[in-house]
């Protein structure tokens, strides 16, 4: 699930607060109902929220790096779907 990928990507930046931080962005700021609702179309907005909220916690440079990695997930997800074998 994409949510799990986001959690693992952000864990080095946020440590034990990762799930609470990402859940706050997804459920409160982005107003999604479930973690499984997160899709590649949401990643740009999630990256923006994580950058702005993350600056307060980790500073500009690390927040920007984390946001860029989140946006990169969109590209990786697209490529994964593109090259996924057809049944």
C-alpha atoms as a PDB file:
ATOM      1  CA  UNK A   1       0.000   0.000   0.000  1.00  0.00           C
ATOM      2  CA  UNK A   2       1.261   3.481  -0.882  1.00  0.00           C
ATOM      3  CA  UNK A   3       0.638   4.689   2.677  1.00  0.00           C
ATOM      4  CA  UNK A   4       3.158   2.133   3.991  1.00  0.00           C
ATOM      5  CA  UNK A   5       5.746   3.305   1.457  1.00  0.00           C
ATOM      6  CA  UNK A   6       5.285   6.897   2.625  1.00  0.00           C
ATOM      7  CA  UNK A   7       5.669   5.843   6.264  1.00  0.00           C
ATOM      8  CA  UNK A   8       8.903   3.956   5.566  1.00  0.00           C
ATOM      9  CA  UNK A   9      10.294   6.795   3.453  1.00  0.00           C
ATOM     10  CA  UNK A  10       9.614   9.368   6.189  1.00  0.00           C
ATOM     11  CA  UNK A  11      10.739   7.272   9.169  1.00  0.00           C
ATOM     12  CA  UNK A  12      14.421   8.354   8.969  1.00  0.00           C
ATOM     13  CA  UNK A  13      13.305  11.996   9.181  1.00  0.00           C
ATOM     14  CA  UNK A  14      10.581  11.699  11.818  1.00  0.00           C
ATOM     15  CA  UNK A  15      11.451   8.610  13.842  1.00  0.00           C
ATOM     16  CA  UNK A  16       8.778   7.479  16.280  1.00  0.00           C
ATOM     17  CA  UNK A  17       6.537  10.411  15.315  1.00  0.00           C
ATOM     18  CA  UNK A  18       6.283   9.298  11.671  1.00  0.00           C
ATOM     19  CA  UNK A  19       2.826   7.716  11.709  1.00  0.00           C
ATOM     20  CA  UNK A  20       1.284  10.494  13.793  1.00  0.00           C
ATOM     21  CA  UNK A  21       2.812  13.155  11.535  1.00  0.00           C
ATOM     22  CA  UNK A  22       1.737  11.504   8.261  1.00  0.00           C
ATOM     23  CA  UNK A  23      -1.718  10.696   9.622  1.00  0.00           C
ATOM     24  CA  UNK A  24      -2.178  14.341  10.581  1.00  0.00           C
ATOM     25  CA  UNK A  25      -1.317  15.404   7.028  1.00  0.00           C
ATOM     26  CA  UNK A  26      -3.542  12.777   5.406  1.00  0.00           C
ATOM     27  CA  UNK A  27      -6.590  12.850   7.661  1.00  0.00           C
ATOM     28  CA  UNK A  28      -6.698  16.434   8.925  1.00  0.00           C
ATOM     29  CA  UNK A  29      -5.029  18.545   6.244  1.00  0.00           C
ATOM     30  CA  UNK A  30      -5.942  16.489   3.172  1.00  0.00           C
ATOM     31  CA  UNK A  31      -9.248  15.249   4.613  1.00  0.00           C
ATOM     32  CA  UNK A  32      -8.901  11.659   3.391  1.00  0.00           C
ATOM     33  CA  UNK A  33     -11.066   9.117   5.208  1.00  0.00           C
ATOM     34  CA  UNK A  34      -8.686   6.133   5.245  1.00  0.00           C
ATOM     35  CA  UNK A  35      -4.990   5.503   4.722  1.00  0.00           C
ATOM     36  CA  UNK A  36      -5.895   3.232   1.814  1.00  0.00           C
ATOM     37  CA  UNK A  37      -7.490   6.252   0.074  1.00  0.00           C
ATOM     38  CA  UNK A  38      -4.010   7.705  -0.476  1.00  0.00           C
ATOM     39  CA  UNK A  39      -3.078   7.409  -4.156  1.00  0.00           C
ATOM     40  CA  UNK A  40      -0.383   8.724  -6.444  1.00  0.00           C
ATOM     41  CA  UNK A  41      -2.650  11.663  -7.307  1.00  0.00           C
ATOM     42  CA  UNK A  42      -2.369  12.828  -3.683  1.00  0.00           C
ATOM     43  CA  UNK A  43       1.417  12.684  -3.423  1.00  0.00           C
ATOM     44  CA  UNK A  44       2.157  16.225  -4.611  1.00  0.00           C
ATOM     45  CA  UNK A  45      -0.268  17.689  -2.067  1.00  0.00           C
ATOM     46  CA  UNK A  46       1.053  15.372   0.652  1.00  0.00           C
ATOM     47  CA  UNK A  47       4.604  16.472  -0.152  1.00  0.00           C
ATOM     48  CA  UNK A  48       3.585  20.127   0.174  1.00  0.00           C
ATOM     49  CA  UNK A  49       1.900  19.535   3.538  1.00  0.00           C
ATOM     50  CA  UNK A  50       4.878  17.530   4.785  1.00  0.00           C
ATOM     51  CA  UNK A  51       7.280  20.260   3.685  1.00  0.00           C
ATOM     52  CA  UNK A  52       5.367  23.064   5.383  1.00  0.00           C
ATOM     53  CA  UNK A  53       4.644  21.115   8.573  1.00  0.00           C
ATOM     54  CA  UNK A  54       8.034  19.429   8.596  1.00  0.00           C
ATOM     55  CA  UNK A  55       9.942  22.722   8.523  1.00  0.00           C
ATOM     56  CA  UNK A  56       8.801  23.413  12.070  1.00  0.00           C
ATOM     57  CA  UNK A  57      10.163  20.067  13.253  1.00  0.00           C
ATOM     58  CA  UNK A  58      13.325  19.445  11.242  1.00  0.00           C
ATOM     59  CA  UNK A  59      14.217  22.634   9.421  1.00  0.00           C
ATOM     60  CA  UNK A  60      13.995  23.681   5.801  1.00  0.00           C
ATOM     61  CA  UNK A  61      16.654  21.466   4.196  1.00  0.00           C
ATOM     62  CA  UNK A  62      15.471  18.157   5.652  1.00  0.00           C
ATOM     63  CA  UNK A  63      11.798  18.993   5.111  1.00  0.00           C
ATOM     64  CA  UNK A  64      12.525  19.818   1.467  1.00  0.00           C
ATOM     65  CA  UNK A  65      14.476  16.567   1.005  1.00  0.00           C
ATOM     66  CA  UNK A  66      11.657  14.514   2.509  1.00  0.00           C
ATOM     67  CA  UNK A  67       9.052  16.278   0.351  1.00  0.00           C
ATOM     68  CA  UNK A  68      11.076  15.617  -2.799  1.00  0.00           C
ATOM     69  CA  UNK A  69      11.288  11.927  -1.949  1.00  0.00           C
ATOM     70  CA  UNK A  70       7.521  11.796  -1.458  1.00  0.00           C
ATOM     71  CA  UNK A  71       6.989  13.383  -4.880  1.00  0.00           C
ATOM     72  CA  UNK A  72       9.400  10.832  -6.373  1.00  0.00           C
ATOM     73  CA  UNK A  73       7.069   8.063  -5.158  1.00  0.00           C
ATOM     74  CA  UNK A  74       4.531   9.282  -7.717  1.00  0.00           C
ATOM     75  CA  UNK A  75       7.016   8.643 -10.526  1.00  0.00           C
ATOM     76  CA  UNK A  76       7.995   5.267  -9.099  1.00  0.00           C
ATOM     77  CA  UNK A  77       4.342   4.230  -8.734  1.00  0.00           C
ATOM     78  CA  UNK A  78       3.649   5.240 -12.333  1.00  0.00           C
ATOM     79  CA  UNK A  79       6.624   3.210 -13.604  1.00  0.00           C
ATOM     80  CA  UNK A  80       5.632   0.215 -11.490  1.00  0.00           C
ATOM     81  CA  UNK A  81       2.150   0.244 -13.037  1.00  0.00           C
ATOM     82  CA  UNK A  82       3.514   0.823 -16.541  1.00  0.00           C
ATOM     83  CA  UNK A  83       5.810  -2.203 -16.425  1.00  0.00           C
ATOM     84  CA  UNK A  84       3.526  -4.453 -14.385  1.00  0.00           C
ATOM     85  CA  UNK A  85       2.962  -7.728 -16.271  1.00  0.00           C
ATOM     86  CA  UNK A  86      -0.489  -8.141 -17.759  1.00  0.00           C
ATOM     87  CA  UNK A  87      -2.378 -11.320 -16.832  1.00  0.00           C
END
